[in-house]
Amino acid sequence: MDKAIPVYKTPIEEYTVVSNQSKTRYYKVCFGEVDWGRNGETEYAVYVRVVLLKYGQMQYQNYAAHILVAPGEDGRSDLDNVMEKIELLRKKHLR
């Protein structure tokens, strides 16, 4: 039996973006090394992980990040806030 390879290494840097639409949702906007299990090669990537709270516990979801676009009370959507953090990571790590 093949040993599973963890795709995401410990992020080099990450930001937490709290949803302005749901008290049980937030996003981890990360920059780090990913391992697709191909010949031991890794790549650096910016990625977003959705975190949902269920019964008070953090639960990562392994599906595409569905980033909400409706504006909150401050006029900014979750997408606005996530993109802001992606831009910070891009400027810092991808010159």
N, C-alpha and C. Protein backbone atom coordinates (compact mmCIF):
# COMPACT_ATOMS: atom_id res chain seq x y z
N MET A 1 0.84 -1.18 0.00
CA MET A 1 0.00 0.00 0.00
C MET A 1 0.88 1.24 0.00
N ASP A 2 0.57 2.19 -0.88
CA ASP A 2 1.33 3.44 -0.96
C ASP A 2 1.04 4.31 0.24
N LYS A 3 2.09 4.97 0.70
CA LYS A 3 1.94 5.91 1.80
C LYS A 3 1.41 7.23 1.24
N ALA A 4 0.39 7.77 1.86
CA ALA A 4 -0.18 9.04 1.40
C ALA A 4 0.81 10.17 1.61
N ILE A 5 0.88 11.04 0.64
CA ILE A 5 1.79 12.18 0.71
C ILE A 5 0.97 13.41 1.05
N PRO A 6 1.32 14.10 2.14
CA PRO A 6 0.57 15.32 2.45
C PRO A 6 0.82 16.38 1.38
N VAL A 7 -0.23 16.91 0.84
CA VAL A 7 -0.10 17.89 -0.24
C VAL A 7 0.47 19.20 0.28
N TYR A 8 -0.05 19.67 1.39
CA TYR A 8 0.34 20.98 1.90
C TYR A 8 1.37 20.84 3.00
N LYS A 9 2.54 21.44 2.79
CA LYS A 9 3.54 21.52 3.85
C LYS A 9 3.12 22.65 4.80
N THR A 10 3.83 22.80 5.89
CA THR A 10 3.55 23.92 6.79
C THR A 10 3.74 25.21 6.01
N PRO A 11 2.74 26.09 5.99
CA PRO A 11 2.87 27.33 5.20
C PRO A 11 4.04 28.18 5.67
N ILE A 12 4.66 28.85 4.73
CA ILE A 12 5.72 29.80 5.05
C ILE A 12 5.09 31.03 5.69
N GLU A 13 3.93 31.41 5.16
CA GLU A 13 3.19 32.54 5.73
C GLU A 13 1.71 32.31 5.46
N GLU A 14 0.88 32.74 6.40
CA GLU A 14 -0.56 32.63 6.18
C GLU A 14 -1.29 33.76 6.87
N TYR A 15 -2.43 34.10 6.30
CA TYR A 15 -3.32 35.11 6.87
C TYR A 15 -4.66 34.44 7.13
N THR A 16 -5.33 34.89 8.15
CA THR A 16 -6.69 34.44 8.42
C THR A 16 -7.64 35.57 8.06
N VAL A 17 -8.63 35.25 7.22
CA VAL A 17 -9.65 36.22 6.84
C VAL A 17 -10.97 35.71 7.40
N VAL A 18 -11.56 36.47 8.29
CA VAL A 18 -12.84 36.11 8.89
C VAL A 18 -13.95 36.49 7.93
N SER A 19 -14.87 35.59 7.69
CA SER A 19 -15.99 35.87 6.81
C SER A 19 -16.86 36.96 7.41
N ASN A 20 -17.33 37.86 6.55
CA ASN A 20 -18.28 38.85 7.04
C ASN A 20 -19.71 38.43 6.73
N GLN A 21 -19.87 37.18 6.27
CA GLN A 21 -21.19 36.63 5.97
C GLN A 21 -21.61 35.52 6.92
N SER A 22 -20.63 34.88 7.56
CA SER A 22 -20.95 33.72 8.39
C SER A 22 -20.01 33.67 9.59
N LYS A 23 -20.57 33.47 10.77
CA LYS A 23 -19.75 33.37 11.98
C LYS A 23 -19.05 32.02 12.09
N THR A 24 -19.40 31.08 11.22
CA THR A 24 -18.79 29.75 11.29
C THR A 24 -17.82 29.51 10.14
N ARG A 25 -17.44 30.55 9.42
CA ARG A 25 -16.56 30.39 8.25
C ARG A 25 -15.43 31.41 8.30
N TYR A 26 -14.24 30.94 7.95
CA TYR A 26 -13.14 31.85 7.66
C TYR A 26 -12.21 31.19 6.67
N TYR A 27 -11.23 31.94 6.21
CA TYR A 27 -10.34 31.48 5.15
C TYR A 27 -8.90 31.58 5.62
N LYS A 28 -8.11 30.59 5.28
CA LYS A 28 -6.67 30.64 5.49
C LYS A 28 -6.05 30.90 4.12
N VAL A 29 -5.44 32.06 3.96
CA VAL A 29 -4.77 32.43 2.72
C VAL A 29 -3.29 32.16 2.94
N CYS A 30 -2.74 31.21 2.20
CA CYS A 30 -1.41 30.68 2.50
C CYS A 30 -0.45 30.78 1.33
N PHE A 31 0.82 30.87 1.66
CA PHE A 31 1.91 30.72 0.70
C PHE A 31 2.80 29.64 1.25
N GLY A 32 3.12 28.66 0.43
CA GLY A 32 4.00 27.60 0.90
C GLY A 32 4.24 26.55 -0.15
N GLU A 33 4.89 25.52 0.29
CA GLU A 33 5.29 24.42 -0.58
C GLU A 33 4.17 23.38 -0.66
N VAL A 34 3.90 22.91 -1.85
CA VAL A 34 2.92 21.85 -2.05
C VAL A 34 3.60 20.67 -2.73
N ASP A 35 3.15 19.50 -2.38
CA ASP A 35 3.73 18.26 -2.90
C ASP A 35 2.62 17.45 -3.55
N TRP A 36 2.67 17.35 -4.86
CA TRP A 36 1.64 16.63 -5.61
C TRP A 36 1.94 15.15 -5.71
N GLY A 37 3.03 14.70 -5.08
CA GLY A 37 3.37 13.28 -5.11
C GLY A 37 3.96 12.82 -6.43
N ARG A 38 4.57 13.74 -7.16
CA ARG A 38 5.18 13.40 -8.45
C ARG A 38 6.70 13.46 -8.34
N ASN A 39 7.33 12.34 -8.28
CA ASN A 39 8.79 12.25 -8.33
C ASN A 39 9.50 13.05 -7.25
N GLY A 40 8.85 13.28 -6.14
CA GLY A 40 9.46 14.02 -5.04
C GLY A 40 9.61 15.51 -5.30
N GLU A 41 9.06 16.00 -6.40
CA GLU A 41 9.15 17.42 -6.71
C GLU A 41 8.05 18.18 -5.98
N THR A 42 8.40 19.37 -5.52
CA THR A 42 7.42 20.24 -4.87
C THR A 42 7.38 21.56 -5.62
N GLU A 43 6.33 22.32 -5.37
CA GLU A 43 6.17 23.64 -5.98
C GLU A 43 5.71 24.60 -4.91
N TYR A 44 5.98 25.88 -5.13
CA TYR A 44 5.46 26.90 -4.24
C TYR A 44 4.16 27.43 -4.83
N ALA A 45 3.21 27.73 -3.97
CA ALA A 45 1.90 28.17 -4.44
C ALA A 45 1.25 29.06 -3.39
N VAL A 46 0.34 29.88 -3.87
CA VAL A 46 -0.59 30.60 -3.01
C VAL A 46 -1.88 29.81 -3.06
N TYR A 47 -2.45 29.50 -1.91
CA TYR A 47 -3.68 28.72 -1.88
C TYR A 47 -4.57 29.20 -0.74
N VAL A 48 -5.84 28.92 -0.89
CA VAL A 48 -6.84 29.33 0.09
C VAL A 48 -7.53 28.08 0.61
N ARG A 49 -7.62 27.98 1.91
CA ARG A 49 -8.36 26.87 2.53
C ARG A 49 -9.53 27.46 3.30
N VAL A 50 -10.68 26.88 3.10
CA VAL A 50 -11.87 27.30 3.83
C VAL A 50 -11.88 26.55 5.15
N VAL A 51 -12.16 27.25 6.22
CA VAL A 51 -12.28 26.64 7.54
C VAL A 51 -13.71 26.87 8.01
N LEU A 52 -14.37 25.79 8.35
CA LEU A 52 -15.72 25.88 8.90
C LEU A 52 -15.67 25.40 10.34
N LEU A 53 -16.47 26.01 11.16
CA LEU A 53 -16.60 25.57 12.54
C LEU A 53 -17.85 24.72 12.65
N LYS A 54 -17.68 23.53 13.20
CA LYS A 54 -18.82 22.65 13.47
C LYS A 54 -18.72 22.22 14.92
N TYR A 55 -19.76 22.47 15.64
CA TYR A 55 -19.80 22.12 17.07
C TYR A 55 -18.60 22.71 17.81
N GLY A 56 -18.21 23.93 17.41
CA GLY A 56 -17.12 24.62 18.07
C GLY A 56 -15.73 24.15 17.68
N GLN A 57 -15.62 23.22 16.74
CA GLN A 57 -14.33 22.68 16.31
C GLN A 57 -13.99 23.16 14.91
N MET A 58 -12.70 23.43 14.67
CA MET A 58 -12.26 23.78 13.33
C MET A 58 -12.33 22.55 12.44
N GLN A 59 -12.77 22.75 11.22
CA GLN A 59 -12.83 21.65 10.28
C GLN A 59 -12.43 22.17 8.90
N TYR A 60 -11.27 21.73 8.41
CA TYR A 60 -10.86 22.09 7.06
C TYR A 60 -11.70 21.30 6.08
N GLN A 61 -12.02 21.92 5.00
CA GLN A 61 -12.79 21.27 3.96
C GLN A 61 -11.88 21.07 2.76
N ASN A 62 -11.83 19.87 2.26
CA ASN A 62 -10.99 19.57 1.09
C ASN A 62 -11.80 19.68 -0.18
N TYR A 63 -12.21 20.87 -0.49
CA TYR A 63 -12.89 21.15 -1.75
C TYR A 63 -12.46 22.54 -2.19
N ALA A 64 -12.81 22.89 -3.38
CA ALA A 64 -12.44 24.22 -3.87
C ALA A 64 -12.96 25.29 -2.92
N ALA A 65 -12.17 26.32 -2.73
CA ALA A 65 -12.57 27.40 -1.84
C ALA A 65 -13.70 28.19 -2.48
N HIS A 66 -14.85 28.16 -1.87
CA HIS A 66 -15.99 28.95 -2.31
C HIS A 66 -15.96 30.24 -1.50
N ILE A 67 -15.48 31.30 -2.13
CA ILE A 67 -15.29 32.57 -1.43
C ILE A 67 -16.50 33.44 -1.70
N LEU A 68 -17.17 33.82 -0.64
CA LEU A 68 -18.43 34.55 -0.77
C LEU A 68 -18.20 35.96 -1.32
N VAL A 69 -19.13 36.42 -2.17
CA VAL A 69 -18.95 37.69 -2.87
C VAL A 69 -19.93 38.77 -2.45
N ALA A 70 -20.92 38.44 -1.64
CA ALA A 70 -21.87 39.46 -1.18
C ALA A 70 -21.18 40.40 -0.20
N PRO A 71 -21.39 41.69 -0.32
CA PRO A 71 -20.75 42.62 0.60
C PRO A 71 -21.33 42.50 2.01
N GLY A 72 -20.46 42.70 2.99
CA GLY A 72 -20.88 42.71 4.38
C GLY A 72 -21.28 44.12 4.78
N GLU A 73 -21.47 44.32 6.07
CA GLU A 73 -21.88 45.63 6.57
C GLU A 73 -20.86 46.72 6.25
N ASP A 74 -19.58 46.32 6.12
CA ASP A 74 -18.54 47.30 5.81
C ASP A 74 -18.40 47.56 4.30
N GLY A 75 -19.25 46.91 3.49
CA GLY A 75 -19.21 47.10 2.05
C GLY A 75 -18.22 46.23 1.33
N ARG A 76 -17.45 45.46 2.07
CA ARG A 76 -16.44 44.58 1.47
C ARG A 76 -16.92 43.13 1.52
N SER A 77 -16.64 42.41 0.45
CA SER A 77 -17.00 41.00 0.41
C SER A 77 -15.85 40.16 0.96
N ASP A 78 -16.13 38.89 1.23
CA ASP A 78 -15.06 37.98 1.62
C ASP A 78 -14.00 37.92 0.51
N LEU A 79 -14.46 37.96 -0.77
CA LEU A 79 -13.52 37.94 -1.89
C LEU A 79 -12.59 39.14 -1.85
N ASP A 80 -13.12 40.32 -1.55
CA ASP A 80 -12.26 41.52 -1.43
C ASP A 80 -11.17 41.29 -0.39
N ASN A 81 -11.56 40.76 0.75
CA ASN A 81 -10.61 40.58 1.86
C ASN A 81 -9.60 39.48 1.56
N VAL A 82 -10.03 38.39 0.93
CA VAL A 82 -9.10 37.32 0.56
C VAL A 82 -8.11 37.82 -0.50
N MET A 83 -8.61 38.52 -1.51
CA MET A 83 -7.73 39.04 -2.57
C MET A 83 -6.70 40.01 -2.02
N GLU A 84 -7.07 40.79 -1.03
CA GLU A 84 -6.13 41.71 -0.39
C GLU A 84 -4.95 40.93 0.20
N LYS A 85 -5.24 39.82 0.86
CA LYS A 85 -4.17 39.02 1.48
C LYS A 85 -3.35 38.29 0.41
N ILE A 86 -3.99 37.82 -0.66
CA ILE A 86 -3.25 37.19 -1.75
C ILE A 86 -2.26 38.19 -2.34
N GLU A 87 -2.68 39.43 -2.51
CA GLU A 87 -1.80 40.46 -3.06
C GLU A 87 -0.62 40.71 -2.12
N LEU A 88 -0.83 40.70 -0.81
CA LEU A 88 0.27 40.87 0.14
C LEU A 88 1.28 39.73 -0.01
N LEU A 89 0.79 38.49 -0.12
CA LEU A 89 1.68 37.34 -0.30
C LEU A 89 2.44 37.44 -1.63
N ARG A 90 1.74 37.85 -2.67
CA ARG A 90 2.39 37.98 -3.99
C ARG A 90 3.53 38.99 -3.93
N LYS A 91 3.28 40.13 -3.35
CA LYS A 91 4.29 41.18 -3.27
C LYS A 91 5.50 40.74 -2.43
N LYS A 92 5.24 39.99 -1.39
CA LYS A 92 6.32 39.60 -0.48
C LYS A 92 7.14 38.41 -1.01
N HIS A 93 6.48 37.42 -1.61
CA HIS A 93 7.16 36.17 -1.94
C HIS A 93 7.38 35.93 -3.43
N LEU A 94 6.73 36.69 -4.30
CA LEU A 94 6.80 36.41 -5.74
C LEU A 94 7.26 37.65 -6.51
N ARG A 95 8.41 38.08 -6.25
CA ARG A 95 8.92 39.31 -6.89
C ARG A 95 9.40 39.05 -8.28
